[in-house]
Amino acid sequence: MTRDNVQIGMGHRSLNSRIDVFLSEVGFGMNPGQLRRAKLRQIIALECASDAELAALGIARDDILSFVFRDLLAA
């Protein structure tokens, strides 16, 4: 059985903490655990990309979470 026990730190806050804060700031009234797990691979891939690679996608590093969750946040 696999376990979700990988801890990833980016800067002063862990990636999971940044995702939780992002989701709480946009007003989700639910536990973001399932959403985080569903999007984590894409978030990690983008976090590992260079700034030039992100620019080619048209996003800034600070906009990664907004970009990944854009399908849920579309107005």
Foldseek 3Di string as FASTA:
>chain_A
DDDPPDWAPDPPRTPVVVLVVVVVVLPDPDPCPVVCVVQVVVLVVLLPDDQVVCVVVVDGNVCSSCVSCVVVVPD
